[in-house]
Amino acid sequence: MSEDKGFEELQAEEQGSGGEADAASGGGELQAAAAAGGETEGMTALSAVYDIPVQVAAVLGKATMPIGQLLRLGRGAVVELDRKVGEPIDIYVNNRLVARGEVLVVDDHLGITMTEIVKSEQ
């Protein structure tokens, strides 16, 4: 699956319903959803949350130090973290651990890939 595809295209592929053809013929999202099994109301309700911002944090590791040591840190200082090279990083969404993953380089940017989804304890 490509990341360039919209939600409706991905859902139509997963359901194998031909929803792409219906959407391409001018019927739009609602017609594609109806063809996929009459889930028009559910699709509309779900699309209301697409624009809600969430905070995503990838934690490489943690360190504890006294404030005096923190204030003495300068450019080029090295802070030793509690993780070893190759250990998975923690991925938090809105301060809740949701996954673990690995760091990778995408073009000239850092990225992460999820390797494990963490089940909620609630």
N, C-alpha and C. Protein backbone atom coordinates (compact mmCIF):
# COMPACT_ATOMS: atom_id res chain seq x y z
N MET A 1 0.83 -1.19 0.00
CA MET A 1 0.00 0.00 0.00
C MET A 1 0.87 1.24 0.00
N SER A 2 0.49 2.23 -0.79
CA SER A 2 1.26 3.46 -0.87
C SER A 2 0.73 4.49 0.11
N GLU A 3 1.66 5.33 0.61
CA GLU A 3 1.26 6.38 1.55
C GLU A 3 0.57 7.53 0.82
N ASP A 4 0.65 7.56 -0.52
CA ASP A 4 0.04 8.64 -1.30
C ASP A 4 -1.47 8.48 -1.41
N LYS A 5 -2.00 7.32 -1.14
CA LYS A 5 -3.42 7.07 -1.31
C LYS A 5 -4.22 7.65 -0.16
N GLY A 6 -5.43 8.08 -0.48
CA GLY A 6 -6.33 8.59 0.54
C GLY A 6 -6.99 7.46 1.31
N PHE A 7 -7.66 7.81 2.39
CA PHE A 7 -8.31 6.83 3.25
C PHE A 7 -9.34 6.03 2.48
N GLU A 8 -10.14 6.70 1.65
CA GLU A 8 -11.20 6.00 0.92
C GLU A 8 -10.61 4.96 -0.04
N GLU A 9 -9.49 5.31 -0.72
CA GLU A 9 -8.89 4.37 -1.65
C GLU A 9 -8.35 3.15 -0.91
N LEU A 10 -7.69 3.38 0.22
CA LEU A 10 -7.15 2.27 1.00
C LEU A 10 -8.26 1.37 1.53
N GLN A 11 -9.35 1.99 2.01
CA GLN A 11 -10.45 1.20 2.54
C GLN A 11 -11.11 0.39 1.43
N ALA A 12 -11.25 0.99 0.24
CA ALA A 12 -11.86 0.28 -0.88
C ALA A 12 -11.01 -0.91 -1.28
N GLU A 13 -9.66 -0.74 -1.26
CA GLU A 13 -8.78 -1.85 -1.58
C GLU A 13 -8.91 -2.97 -0.56
N GLU A 14 -8.95 -2.62 0.73
CA GLU A 14 -9.05 -3.62 1.78
C GLU A 14 -10.35 -4.40 1.71
N GLN A 15 -11.44 -3.72 1.37
CA GLN A 15 -12.73 -4.38 1.32
C GLN A 15 -12.97 -5.08 -0.01
N GLY A 16 -12.16 -4.70 -1.03
CA GLY A 16 -12.31 -5.34 -2.33
C GLY A 16 -13.67 -5.10 -2.94
N SER A 17 -14.23 -3.89 -2.72
CA SER A 17 -15.60 -3.65 -3.12
C SER A 17 -15.74 -2.88 -4.42
N GLY A 18 -14.64 -2.42 -4.99
CA GLY A 18 -14.78 -1.59 -6.19
C GLY A 18 -15.21 -0.19 -5.84
N GLY A 19 -15.00 0.24 -4.64
CA GLY A 19 -15.37 1.58 -4.21
C GLY A 19 -14.60 2.64 -4.95
N GLU A 20 -13.39 2.31 -5.47
CA GLU A 20 -12.60 3.27 -6.23
C GLU A 20 -13.34 3.66 -7.50
N ALA A 21 -13.94 2.68 -8.18
CA ALA A 21 -14.64 2.97 -9.43
C ALA A 21 -15.84 3.86 -9.15
N ASP A 22 -16.57 3.62 -8.08
CA ASP A 22 -17.71 4.45 -7.74
C ASP A 22 -17.27 5.87 -7.42
N ALA A 23 -16.17 6.01 -6.68
CA ALA A 23 -15.68 7.34 -6.31
C ALA A 23 -15.19 8.08 -7.54
N ALA A 24 -14.55 7.37 -8.48
CA ALA A 24 -14.02 8.01 -9.67
C ALA A 24 -15.14 8.45 -10.60
N SER A 25 -16.31 7.83 -10.53
CA SER A 25 -17.40 8.18 -11.43
C SER A 25 -18.16 9.41 -10.96
N GLY A 26 -17.65 10.11 -9.94
CA GLY A 26 -18.30 11.34 -9.52
C GLY A 26 -19.17 11.18 -8.30
N GLY A 27 -19.29 9.98 -7.77
CA GLY A 27 -20.14 9.74 -6.61
C GLY A 27 -19.52 10.23 -5.32
N GLY A 28 -18.20 10.34 -5.27
CA GLY A 28 -17.53 10.86 -4.09
C GLY A 28 -17.48 9.86 -2.94
N GLU A 29 -17.11 10.39 -1.78
CA GLU A 29 -16.88 9.59 -0.58
C GLU A 29 -18.14 8.85 -0.12
N LEU A 30 -19.28 9.52 -0.13
CA LEU A 30 -20.50 8.91 0.39
C LEU A 30 -20.95 7.75 -0.48
N GLN A 31 -20.87 7.92 -1.79
CA GLN A 31 -21.27 6.84 -2.69
C GLN A 31 -20.33 5.65 -2.56
N ALA A 32 -19.02 5.90 -2.42
CA ALA A 32 -18.05 4.81 -2.25
C ALA A 32 -18.33 4.07 -0.95
N ALA A 33 -18.66 4.80 0.10
CA ALA A 33 -18.94 4.16 1.39
C ALA A 33 -20.23 3.34 1.31
N ALA A 34 -21.23 3.87 0.61
CA ALA A 34 -22.49 3.14 0.47
C ALA A 34 -22.26 1.84 -0.30
N ALA A 35 -21.43 1.90 -1.34
CA ALA A 35 -21.13 0.70 -2.12
C ALA A 35 -20.35 -0.31 -1.30
N ALA A 36 -19.62 0.18 -0.30
CA ALA A 36 -18.79 -0.71 0.52
C ALA A 36 -19.60 -1.38 1.62
N GLY A 37 -20.87 -1.14 1.69
CA GLY A 37 -21.66 -1.82 2.69
C GLY A 37 -22.57 -0.91 3.49
N GLY A 38 -22.87 0.28 2.98
CA GLY A 38 -23.81 1.15 3.65
C GLY A 38 -23.27 1.79 4.92
N GLU A 39 -21.97 1.97 5.04
CA GLU A 39 -21.37 2.56 6.24
C GLU A 39 -21.22 4.06 6.11
N THR A 40 -22.13 4.72 5.41
CA THR A 40 -22.03 6.15 5.17
C THR A 40 -22.01 6.94 6.47
N GLU A 41 -22.88 6.62 7.40
CA GLU A 41 -22.96 7.36 8.65
C GLU A 41 -21.69 7.19 9.47
N GLY A 42 -21.15 5.99 9.54
CA GLY A 42 -19.91 5.73 10.28
C GLY A 42 -18.73 6.44 9.67
N MET A 43 -18.67 6.47 8.35
CA MET A 43 -17.57 7.15 7.66
C MET A 43 -17.62 8.65 7.94
N THR A 44 -18.80 9.25 7.92
CA THR A 44 -18.93 10.67 8.16
C THR A 44 -18.54 11.00 9.59
N ALA A 45 -18.94 10.19 10.55
CA ALA A 45 -18.59 10.43 11.95
C ALA A 45 -17.09 10.28 12.16
N LEU A 46 -16.48 9.31 11.52
CA LEU A 46 -15.05 9.10 11.66
C LEU A 46 -14.25 10.23 11.03
N SER A 47 -14.71 10.76 9.91
CA SER A 47 -13.97 11.83 9.24
C SER A 47 -13.96 13.11 10.06
N ALA A 48 -14.83 13.23 11.04
CA ALA A 48 -14.85 14.43 11.90
C ALA A 48 -13.62 14.51 12.79
N VAL A 49 -12.94 13.41 13.03
CA VAL A 49 -11.77 13.42 13.91
C VAL A 49 -10.45 13.54 13.15
N TYR A 50 -10.47 13.55 11.84
CA TYR A 50 -9.24 13.60 11.05
C TYR A 50 -8.41 14.85 11.30
N ASP A 51 -9.03 15.98 11.61
CA ASP A 51 -8.31 17.23 11.78
C ASP A 51 -7.92 17.53 13.22
N ILE A 52 -8.17 16.61 14.14
CA ILE A 52 -7.80 16.83 15.54
C ILE A 52 -6.31 16.60 15.69
N PRO A 53 -5.56 17.60 16.15
CA PRO A 53 -4.11 17.42 16.29
C PRO A 53 -3.77 16.54 17.50
N VAL A 54 -2.75 15.72 17.35
CA VAL A 54 -2.23 14.91 18.45
C VAL A 54 -0.72 15.13 18.52
N GLN A 55 -0.17 14.96 19.71
CA GLN A 55 1.27 15.12 19.90
C GLN A 55 1.92 13.74 19.83
N VAL A 56 2.89 13.60 18.94
CA VAL A 56 3.62 12.35 18.79
C VAL A 56 5.06 12.59 19.23
N ALA A 57 5.57 11.75 20.13
CA ALA A 57 6.94 11.88 20.62
C ALA A 57 7.64 10.53 20.49
N ALA A 58 8.87 10.56 19.97
CA ALA A 58 9.70 9.37 19.89
C ALA A 58 10.84 9.56 20.88
N VAL A 59 10.86 8.75 21.93
CA VAL A 59 11.84 8.91 23.01
C VAL A 59 13.01 7.95 22.77
N LEU A 60 14.17 8.54 22.53
CA LEU A 60 15.38 7.74 22.31
C LEU A 60 15.91 7.15 23.60
N GLY A 61 15.72 7.85 24.70
CA GLY A 61 16.20 7.41 26.00
C GLY A 61 16.02 8.53 27.01
N LYS A 62 16.38 8.25 28.26
CA LYS A 62 16.22 9.23 29.33
C LYS A 62 17.50 9.30 30.14
N ALA A 63 17.69 10.43 30.81
CA ALA A 63 18.84 10.62 31.70
C ALA A 63 18.38 11.46 32.89
N THR A 64 18.98 11.19 34.04
CA THR A 64 18.71 11.96 35.25
C THR A 64 20.01 12.63 35.68
N MET A 65 19.94 13.94 35.99
CA MET A 65 21.13 14.66 36.43
C MET A 65 20.71 15.83 37.31
N PRO A 66 21.60 16.26 38.17
CA PRO A 66 21.31 17.43 39.01
C PRO A 66 21.21 18.70 38.15
N ILE A 67 20.48 19.68 38.63
CA ILE A 67 20.32 20.94 37.90
C ILE A 67 21.66 21.60 37.63
N GLY A 68 22.57 21.55 38.59
CA GLY A 68 23.89 22.15 38.40
C GLY A 68 24.61 21.57 37.20
N GLN A 69 24.54 20.25 37.03
CA GLN A 69 25.18 19.59 35.89
C GLN A 69 24.47 19.98 34.59
N LEU A 70 23.16 20.07 34.64
CA LEU A 70 22.38 20.47 33.46
C LEU A 70 22.77 21.86 33.01
N LEU A 71 22.94 22.79 33.97
CA LEU A 71 23.30 24.17 33.62
C LEU A 71 24.71 24.27 33.05
N ARG A 72 25.58 23.33 33.37
CA ARG A 72 26.95 23.36 32.84
C ARG A 72 27.05 22.78 31.43
N LEU A 73 25.98 22.16 30.95
CA LEU A 73 26.01 21.60 29.59
C LEU A 73 26.15 22.72 28.57
N GLY A 74 26.94 22.50 27.58
CA GLY A 74 27.12 23.47 26.51
C GLY A 74 27.07 22.78 25.17
N ARG A 75 27.34 23.56 24.15
CA ARG A 75 27.35 23.02 22.80
C ARG A 75 28.37 21.89 22.71
N GLY A 76 27.98 20.79 22.13
CA GLY A 76 28.87 19.65 21.97
C GLY A 76 28.89 18.70 23.15
N ALA A 77 28.16 19.02 24.23
CA ALA A 77 28.12 18.14 25.40
C ALA A 77 27.42 16.84 25.03
N VAL A 78 27.87 15.76 25.63
CA VAL A 78 27.28 14.45 25.39
C VAL A 78 26.55 14.02 26.66
N VAL A 79 25.28 13.66 26.50
CA VAL A 79 24.47 13.18 27.62
C VAL A 79 24.23 11.70 27.40
N GLU A 80 24.67 10.88 28.34
CA GLU A 80 24.48 9.44 28.22
C GLU A 80 23.03 9.09 28.57
N LEU A 81 22.40 8.34 27.69
CA LEU A 81 21.01 7.93 27.89
C LEU A 81 20.94 6.51 28.44
N ASP A 82 19.77 6.12 28.90
CA ASP A 82 19.59 4.81 29.52
C ASP A 82 19.36 3.67 28.53
N ARG A 83 19.50 3.94 27.25
CA ARG A 83 19.28 2.91 26.22
C ARG A 83 20.59 2.61 25.51
N LYS A 84 20.67 1.40 24.99
CA LYS A 84 21.83 1.00 24.22
C LYS A 84 21.51 1.12 22.73
N VAL A 85 22.56 1.17 21.93
CA VAL A 85 22.39 1.24 20.48
C VAL A 85 21.65 -0.01 20.01
N GLY A 86 20.65 0.17 19.18
CA GLY A 86 19.89 -0.95 18.65
C GLY A 86 18.65 -1.29 19.45
N GLU A 87 18.50 -0.75 20.66
CA GLU A 87 17.29 -1.00 21.44
C GLU A 87 16.14 -0.21 20.83
N PRO A 88 14.91 -0.74 20.92
CA PRO A 88 13.77 0.00 20.36
C PRO A 88 13.50 1.28 21.14
N ILE A 89 12.98 2.28 20.42
CA ILE A 89 12.60 3.54 21.05
C ILE A 89 11.12 3.49 21.40
N ASP A 90 10.70 4.32 22.34
CA ASP A 90 9.29 4.38 22.74
C ASP A 90 8.60 5.47 21.92
N ILE A 91 7.39 5.17 21.45
CA ILE A 91 6.60 6.13 20.68
C ILE A 91 5.35 6.45 21.49
N TYR A 92 5.21 7.73 21.83
CA TYR A 92 4.09 8.19 22.64
C TYR A 92 3.15 9.04 21.78
N VAL A 93 1.86 8.87 21.98
CA VAL A 93 0.85 9.74 21.37
C VAL A 93 0.06 10.34 22.52
N ASN A 94 0.08 11.67 22.61
CA ASN A 94 -0.57 12.39 23.72
C ASN A 94 -0.13 11.83 25.07
N ASN A 95 1.17 11.67 25.23
CA ASN A 95 1.79 11.20 26.49
C ASN A 95 1.39 9.77 26.88
N ARG A 96 0.92 8.99 25.95
CA ARG A 96 0.57 7.59 26.21
C ARG A 96 1.42 6.70 25.30
N LEU A 97 2.11 5.73 25.91
CA LEU A 97 2.93 4.80 25.14
C LEU A 97 2.03 3.96 24.24
N VAL A 98 2.26 4.02 22.93
CA VAL A 98 1.42 3.26 22.00
C VAL A 98 2.21 2.26 21.17
N ALA A 99 3.53 2.49 21.05
CA ALA A 99 4.31 1.59 20.19
C ALA A 99 5.79 1.69 20.52
N ARG A 100 6.54 0.75 19.97
CA ARG A 100 8.00 0.79 20.01
C ARG A 100 8.47 0.69 18.57
N GLY A 101 9.64 1.25 18.31
CA GLY A 101 10.11 1.24 16.94
C GLY A 101 11.60 1.43 16.84
N GLU A 102 12.04 1.66 15.61
CA GLU A 102 13.45 1.85 15.30
C GLU A 102 13.63 3.16 14.56
N VAL A 103 14.79 3.76 14.76
CA VAL A 103 15.13 5.02 14.08
C VAL A 103 15.70 4.67 12.71
N LEU A 104 15.32 5.45 11.70
CA LEU A 104 15.88 5.29 10.37
C LEU A 104 16.05 6.66 9.74
N VAL A 105 16.82 6.70 8.66
CA VAL A 105 17.06 7.96 7.95
C VAL A 105 16.27 7.93 6.65
N VAL A 106 15.44 8.96 6.44
CA VAL A 106 14.65 9.09 5.23
C VAL A 106 15.12 10.37 4.55
N ASP A 107 15.77 10.23 3.39
CA ASP A 107 16.45 11.35 2.74
C ASP A 107 17.43 11.95 3.74
N ASP A 108 17.28 13.20 4.12
CA ASP A 108 18.16 13.81 5.10
C ASP A 108 17.45 14.03 6.43
N HIS A 109 16.38 13.32 6.69
CA HIS A 109 15.60 13.49 7.91
C HIS A 109 15.58 12.18 8.71
N LEU A 110 15.44 12.32 10.01
CA LEU A 110 15.25 11.14 10.86
C LEU A 110 13.80 10.71 10.77
N GLY A 111 13.59 9.44 10.82
CA GLY A 111 12.23 8.89 10.82
C GLY A 111 12.17 7.72 11.78
N ILE A 112 11.00 7.19 11.98
CA ILE A 112 10.83 6.01 12.83
C ILE A 112 9.94 5.01 12.10
N THR A 113 10.16 3.76 12.40
CA THR A 113 9.29 2.72 11.90
C THR A 113 8.79 1.94 13.11
N MET A 114 7.51 1.70 13.16
CA MET A 114 6.92 0.98 14.29
C MET A 114 7.16 -0.51 14.12
N THR A 115 7.70 -1.12 15.16
CA THR A 115 7.96 -2.55 15.13
C THR A 115 7.06 -3.33 16.07
N GLU A 116 6.44 -2.62 17.02
CA GLU A 116 5.59 -3.28 18.02
C GLU A 116 4.53 -2.31 18.50
N ILE A 117 3.29 -2.73 18.50
CA ILE A 117 2.19 -1.94 19.06
C ILE A 117 2.01 -2.37 20.52
N VAL A 118 1.97 -1.39 21.41
CA VAL A 118 1.83 -1.68 22.84
C VAL A 118 0.36 -1.65 23.20
N LYS A 119 -0.13 -2.72 23.79
CA LYS A 119 -1.54 -2.78 24.19
C LYS A 119 -1.78 -1.92 25.41
N SER A 120 -2.90 -1.23 25.43
CA SER A 120 -3.26 -0.36 26.55
C SER A 120 -3.55 -1.18 27.79
N GLU A 121 -3.19 -0.65 28.94
CA GLU A 121 -3.42 -1.35 30.21
C GLU A 121 -4.74 -0.95 30.85
N GLN A 122 -5.53 -0.13 30.18
CA GLN A 122 -6.81 0.34 30.76
C GLN A 122 -7.93 -0.57 30.36
